[in-house]
């Protein structure tokens, strides 16, 4: 599943979900790199 996270104050990364951390952060994979950041809230339908 694709997830979008915010890394830093103005950089967003979209990648494949890897893990959910206890502090609320999420890890996503983009090719061979892992990024950790805060998830972007999903838009309400």
PDB file of N, CA and C in Angstrom:
ATOM      1  N   UNK A   1       0.843  -1.165   0.000  1.00  0.00           N
ATOM      2  CA  UNK A   1       0.000   0.000   0.000  1.00  0.00           C
ATOM      3  C   UNK A   1       0.896   1.239   0.000  1.00  0.00           C
ATOM      4  N   UNK A   2       0.576   2.206  -0.821  1.00  0.00           N
ATOM      5  CA  UNK A   2       1.329   3.454  -0.862  1.00  0.00           C
ATOM      6  C   UNK A   2       0.937   4.345   0.301  1.00  0.00           C
ATOM      7  N   UNK A   3       1.937   4.988   0.883  1.00  0.00           N
ATOM      8  CA  UNK A   3       1.718   5.945   1.968  1.00  0.00           C
ATOM      9  C   UNK A   3       2.557   7.178   1.690  1.00  0.00           C
ATOM     10  N   UNK A   4       2.055   8.322   2.111  1.00  0.00           N
ATOM     11  CA  UNK A   4       2.788   9.576   1.990  1.00  0.00           C
ATOM     12  C   UNK A   4       3.173  10.033   3.379  1.00  0.00           C
ATOM     13  N   UNK A   5       4.446  10.410   3.537  1.00  0.00           N
ATOM     14  CA  UNK A   5       4.936  10.897   4.825  1.00  0.00           C
ATOM     15  C   UNK A   5       5.616  12.240   4.623  1.00  0.00           C
ATOM     16  N   UNK A   6       5.726  12.990   5.708  1.00  0.00           N
ATOM     17  CA  UNK A   6       6.454  14.247   5.698  1.00  0.00           C
ATOM     18  C   UNK A   6       7.779  14.032   6.407  1.00  0.00           C
ATOM     19  N   UNK A   7       8.857  14.375   5.718  1.00  0.00           N
ATOM     20  CA  UNK A   7      10.204  14.267   6.268  1.00  0.00           C
ATOM     21  C   UNK A   7      10.744  15.685   6.379  1.00  0.00           C
ATOM     22  N   UNK A   8      10.972  16.161   7.575  1.00  0.00           N
ATOM     23  CA  UNK A   8      11.386  17.544   7.752  1.00  0.00           C
ATOM     24  C   UNK A   8      10.176  18.463   7.688  1.00  0.00           C
ATOM     25  N   UNK A   9      10.418  19.733   7.410  1.00  0.00           N
ATOM     26  CA  UNK A   9       9.318  20.699   7.445  1.00  0.00           C
ATOM     27  C   UNK A   9       8.564  20.824   6.127  1.00  0.00           C
ATOM     28  N   UNK A  10       9.194  20.477   5.003  1.00  0.00           N
ATOM     29  CA  UNK A  10       8.498  20.692   3.737  1.00  0.00           C
ATOM     30  C   UNK A  10       8.826  19.650   2.665  1.00  0.00           C
ATOM     31  N   UNK A  11       9.325  18.501   3.049  1.00  0.00           N
ATOM     32  CA  UNK A  11       9.638  17.441   2.093  1.00  0.00           C
ATOM     33  C   UNK A  11       8.698  16.266   2.329  1.00  0.00           C
ATOM     34  N   UNK A  12       7.987  15.852   1.273  1.00  0.00           N
ATOM     35  CA  UNK A  12       7.097  14.696   1.352  1.00  0.00           C
ATOM     36  C   UNK A  12       7.661  13.569   0.519  1.00  0.00           C
ATOM     37  N   UNK A  13       7.434  12.341   0.993  1.00  0.00           N
ATOM     38  CA  UNK A  13       7.898  11.141   0.298  1.00  0.00           C
ATOM     39  C   UNK A  13       6.721  10.190   0.199  1.00  0.00           C
ATOM     40  N   UNK A  14       6.538   9.590  -0.987  1.00  0.00           N
ATOM     41  CA  UNK A  14       5.482   8.601  -1.170  1.00  0.00           C
ATOM     42  C   UNK A  14       6.141   7.280  -1.533  1.00  0.00           C
ATOM     43  N   UNK A  15       5.802   6.226  -0.791  1.00  0.00           N
ATOM     44  CA  UNK A  15       6.398   4.930  -1.047  1.00  0.00           C
ATOM     45  C   UNK A  15       5.552   3.817  -0.467  1.00  0.00           C
ATOM     46  N   UNK A  16       6.075   2.612  -0.549  1.00  0.00           N
ATOM     47  CA  UNK A  16       5.393   1.429  -0.062  1.00  0.00           C
ATOM     48  C   UNK A  16       5.525   1.339   1.458  1.00  0.00           C
ATOM     49  N   UNK A  17       4.400   1.124   2.129  1.00  0.00           N
ATOM     50  CA  UNK A  17       4.384   1.028   3.590  1.00  0.00           C
ATOM     51  C   UNK A  17       5.261  -0.121   4.046  1.00  0.00           C
ATOM     52  N   UNK A  18       6.109   0.144   5.066  1.00  0.00           N
ATOM     53  CA  UNK A  18       6.983  -0.881   5.644  1.00  0.00           C
ATOM     54  C   UNK A  18       6.664  -1.143   7.110  1.00  0.00           C
ATOM     55  N   UNK A  19       6.513  -0.088   7.924  1.00  0.00           N
ATOM     56  CA  UNK A  19       6.314  -0.287   9.360  1.00  0.00           C
ATOM     57  C   UNK A  19       5.656   0.923   9.998  1.00  0.00           C
ATOM     58  N   UNK A  20       4.938   0.654  11.106  1.00  0.00           N
ATOM     59  CA  UNK A  20       4.349   1.699  11.946  1.00  0.00           C
ATOM     60  C   UNK A  20       5.118   1.698  13.260  1.00  0.00           C
ATOM     61  N   UNK A  21       5.596   2.847  13.700  1.00  0.00           N
ATOM     62  CA  UNK A  21       6.370   2.951  14.932  1.00  0.00           C
ATOM     63  C   UNK A  21       5.472   3.361  16.090  1.00  0.00           C
ATOM     64  N   UNK A  22       5.901   3.044  17.321  1.00  0.00           N
ATOM     65  CA  UNK A  22       5.117   3.349  18.518  1.00  0.00           C
ATOM     66  C   UNK A  22       4.884   4.842  18.714  1.00  0.00           C
ATOM     67  N   UNK A  23       5.799   5.676  18.216  1.00  0.00           N
ATOM     68  CA  UNK A  23       5.669   7.130  18.394  1.00  0.00           C
ATOM     69  C   UNK A  23       4.837   7.792  17.298  1.00  0.00           C
ATOM     70  N   UNK A  24       4.215   6.995  16.413  1.00  0.00           N
ATOM     71  CA  UNK A  24       3.349   7.536  15.371  1.00  0.00           C
ATOM     72  C   UNK A  24       4.004   7.701  14.019  1.00  0.00           C
ATOM     73  N   UNK A  25       5.325   7.566  13.964  1.00  0.00           N
ATOM     74  CA  UNK A  25       6.005   7.683  12.683  1.00  0.00           C
ATOM     75  C   UNK A  25       5.784   6.432  11.838  1.00  0.00           C
ATOM     76  N   UNK A  26       6.003   6.568  10.519  1.00  0.00           N
ATOM     77  CA  UNK A  26       5.809   5.483   9.565  1.00  0.00           C
ATOM     78  C   UNK A  26       7.074   5.345   8.730  1.00  0.00           C
ATOM     79  N   UNK A  27       7.420   4.113   8.372  1.00  0.00           N
ATOM     80  CA  UNK A  27       8.539   3.852   7.466  1.00  0.00           C
ATOM     81  C   UNK A  27       7.980   3.446   6.113  1.00  0.00           C
ATOM     82  N   UNK A  28       8.496   4.073   5.046  1.00  0.00           N
ATOM     83  CA  UNK A  28       8.120   3.707   3.677  1.00  0.00           C
ATOM     84  C   UNK A  28       9.385   3.376   2.889  1.00  0.00           C
ATOM     85  N   UNK A  29       9.216   2.535   1.867  1.00  0.00           N
ATOM     86  CA  UNK A  29      10.325   2.126   1.010  1.00  0.00           C
ATOM     87  C   UNK A  29      10.142   2.738  -0.374  1.00  0.00           C
ATOM     88  N   UNK A  30      11.219   3.354  -0.879  1.00  0.00           N
ATOM     89  CA  UNK A  30      11.264   3.871  -2.244  1.00  0.00           C
ATOM     90  C   UNK A  30      12.497   3.244  -2.886  1.00  0.00           C
ATOM     91  N   UNK A  31      12.273   2.332  -3.819  1.00  0.00           N
ATOM     92  CA  UNK A  31      13.347   1.533  -4.424  1.00  0.00           C
ATOM     93  C   UNK A  31      14.109   0.809  -3.314  1.00  0.00           C
ATOM     94  N   UNK A  32      15.374   1.118  -3.102  1.00  0.00           N
ATOM     95  CA  UNK A  32      16.157   0.421  -2.077  1.00  0.00           C
ATOM     96  C   UNK A  32      16.402   1.289  -0.837  1.00  0.00           C
ATOM     97  N   UNK A  33      15.693   2.412  -0.713  1.00  0.00           N
ATOM     98  CA  UNK A  33      15.877   3.321   0.426  1.00  0.00           C
ATOM     99  C   UNK A  33      14.659   3.294   1.341  1.00  0.00           C
ATOM    100  N   UNK A  34      14.912   3.446   2.626  1.00  0.00           N
ATOM    101  CA  UNK A  34      13.845   3.544   3.623  1.00  0.00           C
ATOM    102  C   UNK A  34      13.798   4.965   4.170  1.00  0.00           C
ATOM    103  N   UNK A  35      12.586   5.496   4.313  1.00  0.00           N
ATOM    104  CA  UNK A  35      12.381   6.834   4.861  1.00  0.00           C
ATOM    105  C   UNK A  35      11.434   6.727   6.043  1.00  0.00           C
ATOM    106  N   UNK A  36      11.699   7.515   7.087  1.00  0.00           N
ATOM    107  CA  UNK A  36      10.857   7.536   8.281  1.00  0.00           C
ATOM    108  C   UNK A  36      10.355   8.956   8.479  1.00  0.00           C
ATOM    109  N   UNK A  37       9.051   9.093   8.711  1.00  0.00           N
ATOM    110  CA  UNK A  37       8.486  10.418   8.932  1.00  0.00           C
ATOM    111  C   UNK A  37       7.066  10.329   9.440  1.00  0.00           C
ATOM    112  N   UNK A  38       6.440  11.474   9.563  1.00  0.00           N
ATOM    113  CA  UNK A  38       5.062  11.562  10.044  1.00  0.00           C
ATOM    114  C   UNK A  38       4.101  11.336   8.875  1.00  0.00           C
ATOM    115  N   UNK A  39       3.064  10.526   9.062  1.00  0.00           N
ATOM    116  CA  UNK A  39       2.120  10.278   7.980  1.00  0.00           C
ATOM    117  C   UNK A  39       1.294  11.537   7.658  1.00  0.00           C
ATOM    118  N   UNK A  40       1.003  11.719   6.385  1.00  0.00           N
ATOM    119  CA  UNK A  40       0.133  12.805   5.947  1.00  0.00           C
ATOM    120  C   UNK A  40      -1.304  12.314   6.161  1.00  0.00           C
ATOM    121  N   UNK A  41      -2.151  13.110   6.819  1.00  0.00           N
ATOM    122  CA  UNK A  41      -3.540  12.668   7.061  1.00  0.00           C
ATOM    123  C   UNK A  41      -4.261  12.368   5.758  1.00  0.00           C
ATOM    124  N   UNK A  42      -5.087  11.327   5.788  1.00  0.00           N
ATOM    125  CA  UNK A  42      -5.856  10.952   4.607  1.00  0.00           C
ATOM    126  C   UNK A  42      -7.035  11.909   4.432  1.00  0.00           C
ATOM    127  N   UNK A  43      -7.370  12.176   3.185  1.00  0.00           N
ATOM    128  CA  UNK A  43      -8.486  13.042   2.872  1.00  0.00           C
ATOM    129  C   UNK A  43      -9.793  12.312   3.147  1.00  0.00           C
ATOM    130  N   UNK A  44     -10.730  12.984   3.796  1.00  0.00           N
ATOM    131  CA  UNK A  44     -12.044  12.377   4.073  1.00  0.00           C
ATOM    132  C   UNK A  44     -12.820  12.259   2.780  1.00  0.00           C
ATOM    133  N   UNK A  45     -13.518  11.147   2.610  1.00  0.00           N
ATOM    134  CA  UNK A  45     -14.323  10.939   1.397  1.00  0.00           C
ATOM    135  C   UNK A  45     -15.643  11.651   1.457  1.00  0.00           C
TER     136      UNK A  45
END
